Amino acid sequence: MTITKQTVAGRIAAYLHHEITLAQLVDWADQALLDGELAESEAATLAPVIARLGVADVRTFGLVWEDCEDLLHQLGFSPRVEVVAI
């Protein structure tokens, strides 16, 4: 499967929605870089974003909201926050 900006944005969104864990996001990013199936026209943008996700489990790097927001912006997306009653 070719990895596109939409694919990566979807993974970040899944993490932010608590559909996948940080460990799962990091594992996915590591595998994505190993497989090397990045969309050619988007590879220059995708590679550094995926590489950043791949080190998110290292304490020095971590992954906070602002990081996700910045990565999504690099991919051409903007996150939205919705607050709802539980």
Protein backbone atom coordinates (compact mmCIF):
# COMPACT_ATOMS: atom_id res chain seq x y z
CA MET A 1 0.00 0.00 0.00
CA THR A 2 1.33 3.42 -0.92
CA ILE A 3 1.53 5.81 2.00
CA THR A 4 0.18 9.29 1.30
CA LYS A 5 -0.27 12.48 3.31
CA GLN A 6 -3.86 11.37 3.94
CA THR A 7 -2.63 8.02 5.31
CA VAL A 8 -0.30 9.69 7.81
CA ALA A 9 -2.87 12.30 8.80
CA GLY A 10 -5.32 9.46 9.42
CA ARG A 11 -2.86 7.70 11.72
CA ILE A 12 -2.24 10.90 13.69
CA ALA A 13 -6.00 11.46 13.94
CA ALA A 14 -6.51 7.88 15.14
CA TYR A 15 -3.93 8.50 17.87
CA LEU A 16 -5.54 11.78 18.90
CA HIS A 17 -8.96 10.07 19.04
CA HIS A 18 -7.47 7.31 21.25
CA GLU A 19 -8.24 4.69 18.60
CA ILE A 20 -4.57 3.59 18.62
CA THR A 21 -1.91 3.88 21.29
CA LEU A 22 1.34 5.79 21.05
CA ALA A 23 3.15 2.46 20.80
CA GLN A 24 0.97 1.46 17.84
CA LEU A 25 1.59 4.80 16.13
CA VAL A 26 5.34 4.45 16.61
CA ASP A 27 5.30 0.85 15.37
CA TRP A 28 3.33 1.89 12.30
CA ALA A 29 5.77 4.74 11.58
CA ASP A 30 8.79 2.47 11.96
CA GLN A 31 7.26 -0.09 9.60
CA ALA A 32 6.25 2.60 7.12
CA LEU A 33 9.84 3.83 6.89
CA LEU A 34 11.16 0.28 6.49
CA ASP A 35 8.68 -0.61 3.76
CA GLY A 36 9.52 2.59 1.88
CA GLU A 37 6.22 2.70 0.00
CA LEU A 38 5.84 6.49 0.21
CA ALA A 39 4.00 8.28 -2.57
CA GLU A 40 6.81 9.60 -4.77
CA SER A 41 5.33 13.07 -5.18
CA GLU A 42 4.90 13.41 -1.39
CA ALA A 43 8.03 11.61 -0.15
CA ALA A 44 9.94 14.80 0.71
CA THR A 45 7.16 15.80 3.10
CA LEU A 46 6.24 12.34 4.34
CA ALA A 47 9.67 11.03 5.31
CA PRO A 48 10.49 13.61 8.03
CA VAL A 49 6.95 13.49 9.44
CA ILE A 50 6.96 9.70 9.66
CA ALA A 51 10.50 9.73 11.07
CA ARG A 52 9.32 12.13 13.80
CA LEU A 53 6.43 9.82 14.66
CA GLY A 54 8.87 6.93 14.83
CA VAL A 55 10.75 8.47 17.76
CA ALA A 56 7.67 9.67 19.65
CA ASP A 57 8.12 6.95 22.26
CA VAL A 58 11.55 8.27 23.28
CA ARG A 59 11.25 10.47 26.37
CA THR A 60 13.46 13.17 24.84
CA PHE A 61 11.08 13.58 21.91
CA GLY A 62 7.62 12.63 23.16
CA LEU A 63 4.49 13.67 21.29
CA VAL A 64 2.27 16.47 22.56
CA TRP A 65 -0.73 18.19 20.99
CA GLU A 66 1.43 20.94 19.50
CA ASP A 67 3.65 18.33 17.82
CA CYS A 68 0.63 16.65 16.26
CA GLU A 69 -0.74 20.00 15.16
CA ASP A 70 2.58 20.92 13.53
CA LEU A 71 2.93 17.54 11.81
CA LEU A 72 -0.62 17.79 10.46
CA HIS A 73 0.10 21.29 9.15
CA GLN A 74 3.19 19.97 7.37
CA LEU A 75 0.92 17.43 5.70
CA GLY A 76 -1.57 20.11 4.68
CA PHE A 77 -4.18 19.40 7.36
CA SER A 78 -5.55 21.31 10.32
CA PRO A 79 -6.87 19.58 13.44
CA ARG A 80 -10.12 20.65 15.08
CA VAL A 81 -11.11 20.17 18.69
CA GLU A 82 -14.68 19.41 19.63
CA VAL A 83 -15.79 19.38 23.24
CA VAL A 84 -18.86 17.29 24.01
CA ALA A 85 -20.62 16.24 27.19
CA ILE A 86 -19.91 12.70 28.36
